């Protein structure tokens, strides 16, 4: 609370009418709890993502000043902090550390929740203690427009393309599937709703329901965001499966064109795609066809995409292929 106390003391002395708003991470809101309780409150634990502003017990003098001079406290989530880092970089080409971006995250939340317009607002930014390990996490979580769904579709040829057609033209950022049973398939799909269309995400949910695709919104699910989106799949008994890795130039609609090109009679038993912002999109596809199929070789050669067969890759054998699987 040192910076907040210092800013509040100076600004309230120079211009008392200026409103001072403090911002803390949701999992390290020591000042927020203390001001709310009217006394210094020690937290049981604190999150360390915004480690520059994470303490269990705030200082006595900073509490006294903030309690008397700060008008309001706001807390922000990890995703909101990541988004603030991204916004600051896009605007000023400056990469802030999580604690340094708290002011931007709080200001954005304040404006969005209260519909503020026509006012002058200032966010204090400081600190650039950032490394590539943490930046990798930030880049994954920075897009607050991304929505993630678990969609149930019939296990039948053509349903992939039908599902994607209901999402298009929205940008799909992740698409994961692993064969589970002959009856139905579970798809983990992430995409960005169109921002200038009101209730666009709700419209997508409605379209899925109209086409008998059951969906569950897991956009705010920490397990899904931190782990399952990277792990969806696992071992499965898939007779005659062969595994292929494809590359295609990344551009708007590239994934749709790739799916449309997979117009074949064989069943797709695995599908994984994640948009990493690279020049090339990379897709892992499992096809139930068997080891010797001349028609498949002709199909792949005429497909027009660079591909590598990974059926004999030991990683596939150890983590995706059942030991009891039939050839």
Protein backbone atom coordinates (compact mmCIF):
# COMPACT_ATOMS: atom_id res chain seq x y z
CA UNK A 1 0.00 0.00 0.00
CA UNK A 2 3.01 2.34 -0.06
CA UNK A 3 2.38 3.73 -3.54
CA UNK A 4 -1.36 4.07 -2.94
CA UNK A 5 -0.77 5.90 0.35
CA UNK A 6 1.81 8.23 -1.20
CA UNK A 7 -0.34 9.09 -4.24
CA UNK A 8 -3.42 9.62 -2.05
CA UNK A 9 -1.57 11.88 0.40
CA UNK A 10 -0.16 14.11 -2.36
CA UNK A 11 -3.20 14.29 -4.66
CA UNK A 12 -5.72 14.91 -1.87
CA UNK A 13 -3.52 17.77 -0.62
CA UNK A 14 -3.16 19.36 -4.06
CA UNK A 15 -6.66 18.68 -5.38
CA UNK A 16 -9.05 17.15 -2.83
CA UNK A 17 -11.83 16.67 -5.40
CA UNK A 18 -9.87 14.00 -7.30
CA UNK A 19 -11.15 10.51 -6.54
CA UNK A 20 -8.48 7.99 -5.50
CA UNK A 21 -9.16 4.32 -6.25
CA UNK A 22 -6.85 1.54 -5.12
CA UNK A 23 -6.49 -1.73 -7.03
CA UNK A 24 -5.44 -5.15 -5.73
CA UNK A 25 -5.38 -8.68 -7.08
CA UNK A 26 -8.40 -10.72 -5.97
CA UNK A 27 -6.18 -13.27 -4.26
CA UNK A 28 -4.03 -10.68 -2.46
CA UNK A 29 -6.54 -8.03 -1.35
CA UNK A 30 -5.09 -7.13 2.06
CA UNK A 31 -5.84 -3.38 1.86
CA UNK A 32 -9.34 -4.00 0.52
CA UNK A 33 -10.21 -6.31 3.42
CA UNK A 34 -8.60 -4.03 5.99
CA UNK A 35 -10.47 -0.91 4.84
CA UNK A 36 -13.72 -2.89 4.69
CA UNK A 37 -13.22 -4.18 8.24
CA UNK A 38 -11.94 -0.85 9.58
CA UNK A 39 -8.78 -2.46 10.93
CA UNK A 40 -5.64 -4.18 9.68
CA UNK A 41 -6.67 -7.66 8.57
CA UNK A 42 -4.15 -10.43 8.01
CA UNK A 43 -4.95 -12.70 5.08
CA UNK A 44 -4.70 -16.47 5.44
CA UNK A 45 -2.81 -16.70 2.14
CA UNK A 46 -1.95 -14.56 -0.86
CA UNK A 47 -1.57 -15.30 -4.55
CA UNK A 48 1.85 -14.53 -5.95
CA UNK A 49 1.06 -13.67 -9.58
CA UNK A 50 1.12 -9.94 -8.76
CA UNK A 51 3.94 -10.57 -6.30
CA UNK A 52 5.00 -6.91 -6.15
CA UNK A 53 1.74 -6.13 -4.33
CA UNK A 54 1.14 -9.37 -2.44
CA UNK A 55 1.44 -9.24 1.36
CA UNK A 56 -0.54 -11.01 4.07
CA UNK A 57 -0.45 -8.02 6.43
CA UNK A 58 -0.35 -4.40 5.26
CA UNK A 59 1.65 -1.70 7.05
CA UNK A 60 0.19 0.30 9.94
CA UNK A 61 0.97 3.73 8.47
CA UNK A 62 -0.13 2.86 4.94
CA UNK A 63 -3.41 1.58 6.35
CA UNK A 64 -3.96 4.78 8.31
CA UNK A 65 -3.42 6.97 5.28
CA UNK A 66 -5.42 4.80 2.85
CA UNK A 67 -8.29 4.36 5.29
CA UNK A 68 -8.60 8.16 5.58
CA UNK A 69 -7.90 9.24 2.01
CA UNK A 70 -8.69 6.44 -0.47
CA UNK A 71 -12.22 6.71 -1.87
CA UNK A 72 -12.63 3.13 -3.08
CA UNK A 73 -10.87 -0.20 -3.61
CA UNK A 74 -11.25 -2.51 -6.62
CA UNK A 75 -9.99 -6.08 -7.02
CA UNK A 76 -9.09 -7.67 -10.35
CA UNK A 77 -8.58 -11.26 -11.50
CA UNK A 78 -5.42 -12.78 -12.95
CA UNK A 79 -6.99 -12.72 -16.42
CA UNK A 80 -7.83 -9.02 -16.07
CA UNK A 81 -4.23 -8.29 -15.06
CA UNK A 82 -2.93 -10.22 -18.08
CA UNK A 83 -5.30 -8.31 -20.34
CA UNK A 84 -4.02 -5.03 -18.89
CA UNK A 85 -0.43 -6.05 -19.68
CA UNK A 86 -1.51 -6.75 -23.25
CA UNK A 87 -3.41 -3.45 -23.57
CA UNK A 88 -0.42 -1.48 -22.27
CA UNK A 89 1.91 -3.21 -24.71
CA UNK A 90 -0.44 -2.59 -27.65
CA UNK A 91 -0.76 1.08 -26.74
CA UNK A 92 2.76 2.03 -25.64
CA UNK A 93 4.97 -0.97 -26.52
CA UNK A 94 5.81 -1.33 -22.82
CA UNK A 95 5.68 -4.68 -21.01
CA UNK A 96 4.61 -4.27 -17.39
CA UNK A 97 4.95 -6.79 -14.60
CA UNK A 98 1.63 -8.00 -13.12
CA UNK A 99 1.77 -5.67 -10.08
CA UNK A 100 2.63 -2.74 -12.36
CA UNK A 101 -0.46 -3.36 -14.48
CA UNK A 102 -2.93 -3.35 -11.58
CA UNK A 103 -3.89 0.28 -12.18
CA UNK A 104 -4.75 -0.32 -15.84
CA UNK A 105 -6.71 -3.48 -14.98
CA UNK A 106 -8.68 -1.65 -12.29
CA UNK A 107 -9.41 1.34 -14.49
CA UNK A 108 -10.70 -0.88 -17.30
CA UNK A 109 -12.92 -2.80 -14.89
CA UNK A 110 -14.22 0.42 -13.32
CA UNK A 111 -15.12 1.94 -16.70
CA UNK A 112 -16.80 -1.22 -17.98
CA UNK A 113 -18.86 -1.88 -14.86
CA UNK A 114 -20.04 1.72 -14.42
CA UNK A 115 -20.30 2.83 -18.02
CA UNK A 116 -18.08 5.85 -17.37
CA UNK A 117 -17.73 8.32 -20.26
CA UNK A 118 -16.41 11.85 -20.61
CA UNK A 119 -14.11 11.70 -17.60
CA UNK A 120 -10.35 11.98 -17.24
CA UNK A 121 -8.80 8.95 -15.56
CA UNK A 122 -5.16 8.20 -14.77
CA UNK A 123 -3.70 4.74 -14.11
CA UNK A 124 -0.38 4.58 -12.29
CA UNK A 125 1.89 2.00 -13.93
CA UNK A 126 5.24 0.88 -12.58
CA UNK A 127 7.49 -2.13 -12.64
CA UNK A 128 8.78 -4.27 -15.49
CA UNK A 129 10.04 -7.35 -13.66
CA UNK A 130 8.95 -9.74 -16.40
CA UNK A 131 10.63 -12.79 -17.92
CA UNK A 132 9.67 -15.03 -20.82
CA UNK A 133 8.43 -17.82 -18.57
CA UNK A 134 5.82 -15.55 -17.02
CA UNK A 135 5.15 -13.80 -20.32
CA UNK A 136 4.15 -17.15 -21.83
CA UNK A 137 1.44 -17.49 -19.17
CA UNK A 138 0.35 -13.88 -19.69
CA UNK A 139 -0.06 -14.38 -23.43
CA UNK A 140 -2.29 -17.42 -22.81
CA UNK A 141 -4.56 -15.53 -20.41
CA UNK A 142 -4.50 -12.00 -21.83
CA UNK A 143 -7.40 -12.31 -24.25
CA UNK A 144 -10.47 -11.59 -22.15
CA UNK A 145 -12.69 -11.94 -25.22
CA UNK A 146 -11.91 -15.66 -25.63
CA UNK A 147 -14.73 -18.05 -24.74
CA UNK A 148 -14.32 -21.80 -24.19
CA UNK A 149 -17.05 -24.41 -24.59
CA UNK A 150 -17.34 -28.15 -24.14
CA UNK A 151 -19.63 -29.28 -26.94
CA UNK A 152 -21.19 -32.73 -27.36
CA UNK A 153 -21.64 -33.83 -30.96
CA UNK A 154 -22.62 -37.14 -32.63
CA UNK A 155 -19.64 -39.37 -33.46
CA UNK A 156 -20.23 -39.29 -37.22
CA UNK A 157 -18.44 -38.01 -40.34
CA UNK A 158 -19.22 -34.37 -41.15
CA UNK A 159 -20.11 -33.20 -37.63
CA UNK A 160 -16.76 -31.39 -37.21
CA UNK A 161 -17.50 -29.20 -40.21
CA UNK A 162 -21.08 -28.62 -39.10
CA UNK A 163 -19.94 -27.53 -35.65
CA UNK A 164 -17.31 -25.21 -37.09
CA UNK A 165 -19.84 -23.71 -39.50
CA UNK A 166 -21.91 -22.57 -36.50
CA UNK A 167 -18.87 -20.78 -35.03
CA UNK A 168 -17.61 -19.24 -38.28
CA UNK A 169 -16.72 -16.41 -39.03
CA UNK A 170 -15.54 -15.97 -35.43
CA UNK A 171 -11.85 -16.62 -34.82
CA UNK A 172 -11.33 -20.13 -33.41
CA UNK A 173 -8.28 -20.18 -31.12
CA UNK A 174 -8.38 -23.82 -29.96
CA UNK A 175 -10.09 -27.03 -31.10
CA UNK A 176 -9.44 -30.31 -29.26
CA UNK A 177 -11.06 -33.71 -29.60
CA UNK A 178 -10.23 -37.35 -28.80
CA UNK A 179 -12.30 -40.39 -29.75
CA UNK A 180 -14.20 -41.66 -26.72
CA UNK A 181 -17.11 -43.83 -27.83
CA UNK A 182 -19.06 -44.68 -30.94
CA UNK A 183 -22.10 -42.71 -29.80
CA UNK A 184 -20.90 -39.16 -29.14
CA UNK A 185 -17.83 -36.94 -29.08
CA UNK A 186 -16.75 -34.22 -26.65
CA UNK A 187 -15.15 -31.16 -28.24
CA UNK A 188 -13.21 -28.48 -26.36
CA UNK A 189 -13.38 -25.35 -28.50
CA UNK A 190 -12.24 -21.77 -27.82
CA UNK A 191 -13.16 -18.77 -29.95
CA UNK A 192 -13.55 -14.99 -29.91
CA UNK A 193 -17.11 -13.64 -30.20
CA UNK A 194 -17.55 -10.67 -32.54
CA UNK A 195 -17.19 -7.62 -30.31
CA UNK A 196 -19.41 -5.24 -32.31
CA UNK A 197 -22.36 -7.66 -32.37
CA UNK A 198 -24.53 -7.45 -29.26
CA UNK A 199 -24.88 -10.74 -27.36
CA UNK A 200 -22.86 -12.58 -30.00
CA UNK A 201 -21.76 -15.29 -27.56
CA UNK A 202 -25.37 -15.89 -26.53
CA UNK A 203 -26.28 -16.15 -30.21
CA UNK A 204 -23.65 -18.87 -30.68
CA UNK A 205 -25.05 -20.84 -27.74
CA UNK A 206 -28.51 -20.54 -29.27
CA UNK A 207 -27.32 -21.77 -32.66
CA UNK A 208 -25.64 -24.79 -31.07
CA UNK A 209 -28.80 -25.66 -29.15
CA UNK A 210 -30.96 -25.33 -32.29
CA UNK A 211 -28.69 -27.88 -33.99
CA UNK A 212 -28.91 -30.30 -31.04
CA UNK A 213 -25.32 -29.67 -29.93
CA UNK A 214 -25.24 -29.66 -26.14
CA UNK A 215 -22.71 -27.11 -24.83
CA UNK A 216 -21.28 -26.08 -21.47
CA UNK A 217 -19.51 -22.73 -20.98
CA UNK A 218 -16.19 -23.30 -19.17
CA UNK A 219 -14.65 -19.90 -19.98
CA UNK A 220 -14.17 -19.08 -16.30
CA UNK A 221 -13.15 -22.57 -15.25
CA UNK A 222 -9.59 -22.49 -13.89
CA UNK A 223 -9.11 -26.25 -14.36
CA UNK A 224 -10.07 -25.94 -18.01
CA UNK A 225 -7.85 -22.90 -18.62
CA UNK A 226 -4.78 -24.05 -16.72
CA UNK A 227 -4.73 -27.77 -17.46
CA UNK A 228 -7.48 -29.52 -19.41
CA UNK A 229 -7.20 -27.35 -22.53
CA UNK A 230 -3.64 -28.67 -22.87
CA UNK A 231 -4.48 -32.23 -21.85
CA UNK A 232 -7.80 -32.94 -23.57
CA UNK A 233 -7.59 -36.42 -25.01
CA UNK A 234 -5.44 -39.09 -23.47
CA UNK A 235 -5.34 -42.77 -24.30
CA UNK A 236 -8.20 -44.29 -26.21
CA UNK A 237 -8.91 -47.62 -27.91
CA UNK A 238 -9.22 -46.61 -31.57
CA UNK A 239 -8.96 -49.44 -34.08
CA UNK A 240 -6.86 -48.79 -37.20
CA UNK A 241 -5.86 -45.27 -36.15
CA UNK A 242 -3.07 -43.39 -37.90
CA UNK A 243 -1.76 -40.03 -36.71
CA UNK A 244 -0.81 -37.08 -38.93
CA UNK A 245 0.55 -33.60 -38.25
CA UNK A 246 -0.46 -30.89 -40.76
CA UNK A 247 0.77 -27.34 -41.33
CA UNK A 248 -0.99 -24.56 -43.22
CA UNK A 249 -0.43 -20.79 -43.60
CA UNK A 250 -2.27 -19.06 -40.73
CA UNK A 251 -4.82 -16.50 -41.88
CA UNK A 252 -8.50 -15.66 -41.26
CA UNK A 253 -10.55 -18.69 -42.33
CA UNK A 254 -7.52 -20.98 -42.65
CA UNK A 255 -8.89 -23.55 -40.19
CA UNK A 256 -12.26 -23.55 -41.92
CA UNK A 257 -10.60 -24.23 -45.27
CA UNK A 258 -8.55 -27.02 -43.72
CA UNK A 259 -11.66 -28.67 -42.24
CA UNK A 260 -13.48 -28.33 -45.55
CA UNK A 261 -10.58 -30.06 -47.30
CA UNK A 262 -10.92 -33.08 -44.99
CA UNK A 263 -13.96 -34.24 -46.92
CA UNK A 264 -13.33 -37.96 -46.66
CA UNK A 265 -15.15 -41.15 -45.76
CA UNK A 266 -12.78 -42.12 -42.91
CA UNK A 267 -13.57 -41.22 -39.33
CA UNK A 268 -11.49 -38.57 -37.55
CA UNK A 269 -10.56 -39.96 -34.12
CA UNK A 270 -8.34 -37.12 -32.83
CA UNK A 271 -8.12 -33.42 -33.61
CA UNK A 272 -6.01 -30.75 -31.91
CA UNK A 273 -5.46 -27.15 -32.98
CA UNK A 274 -4.24 -24.09 -31.06
CA UNK A 275 -3.67 -20.63 -32.54
CA UNK A 276 -0.33 -19.39 -31.18
CA UNK A 277 -0.07 -16.32 -33.41
CA UNK A 278 2.53 -17.99 -35.62
CA UNK A 279 2.71 -17.70 -39.42
CA UNK A 280 1.67 -21.36 -39.70
CA UNK A 281 -1.24 -23.21 -38.14
CA UNK A 282 -0.48 -26.69 -36.83
CA UNK A 283 -3.08 -29.44 -36.52
CA UNK A 284 -2.77 -32.97 -35.19
CA UNK A 285 -5.30 -35.38 -36.75
CA UNK A 286 -6.08 -39.03 -36.07
CA UNK A 287 -7.72 -41.01 -38.91
CA UNK A 288 -9.20 -44.50 -38.66
CA UNK A 289 -7.95 -46.10 -41.82
CA UNK A 290 -5.37 -48.81 -41.15
CA UNK A 291 -1.71 -49.04 -42.12
CA UNK A 292 -2.03 -49.95 -45.78
CA UNK A 293 -4.45 -47.77 -47.71
CA UNK A 294 -3.39 -46.50 -51.11
CA UNK A 295 -6.51 -44.32 -51.37
CA UNK A 296 -5.47 -42.41 -48.23
CA UNK A 297 -2.00 -41.77 -49.60
CA UNK A 298 -3.52 -40.34 -52.77
CA UNK A 299 -5.92 -38.23 -50.73
CA UNK A 300 -3.13 -36.76 -48.58
CA UNK A 301 -0.89 -36.03 -51.56
CA UNK A 302 -3.73 -34.20 -53.31
CA UNK A 303 -4.73 -32.29 -50.17
CA UNK A 304 -2.26 -29.48 -50.76
CA UNK A 305 -1.04 -29.26 -47.17
CA UNK A 306 2.34 -30.16 -45.74
CA UNK A 307 2.00 -33.19 -43.49
CA UNK A 308 4.05 -35.66 -41.44
CA UNK A 309 2.85 -39.07 -40.27
CA UNK A 310 3.40 -39.57 -36.53
CA UNK A 311 1.89 -43.04 -36.14
CA UNK A 312 5.25 -44.53 -35.17
CA UNK A 313 6.22 -41.64 -32.91
CA UNK A 314 7.02 -43.04 -29.42
CA UNK A 315 5.21 -40.10 -27.76
CA UNK A 316 1.99 -41.11 -29.52
CA UNK A 317 2.54 -44.70 -28.44
CA UNK A 318 3.12 -43.75 -24.79
CA UNK A 319 0.45 -41.09 -24.24
CA UNK A 320 -2.33 -41.30 -26.85
CA UNK A 321 -2.51 -44.90 -27.99
CA UNK A 322 -4.02 -47.64 -25.85
CA UNK A 323 -1.78 -50.63 -25.24
CA UNK A 324 -4.73 -52.86 -26.13
CA UNK A 325 -5.42 -51.09 -29.38
CA UNK A 326 -5.95 -53.19 -32.47
CA UNK A 327 -3.99 -52.54 -35.61
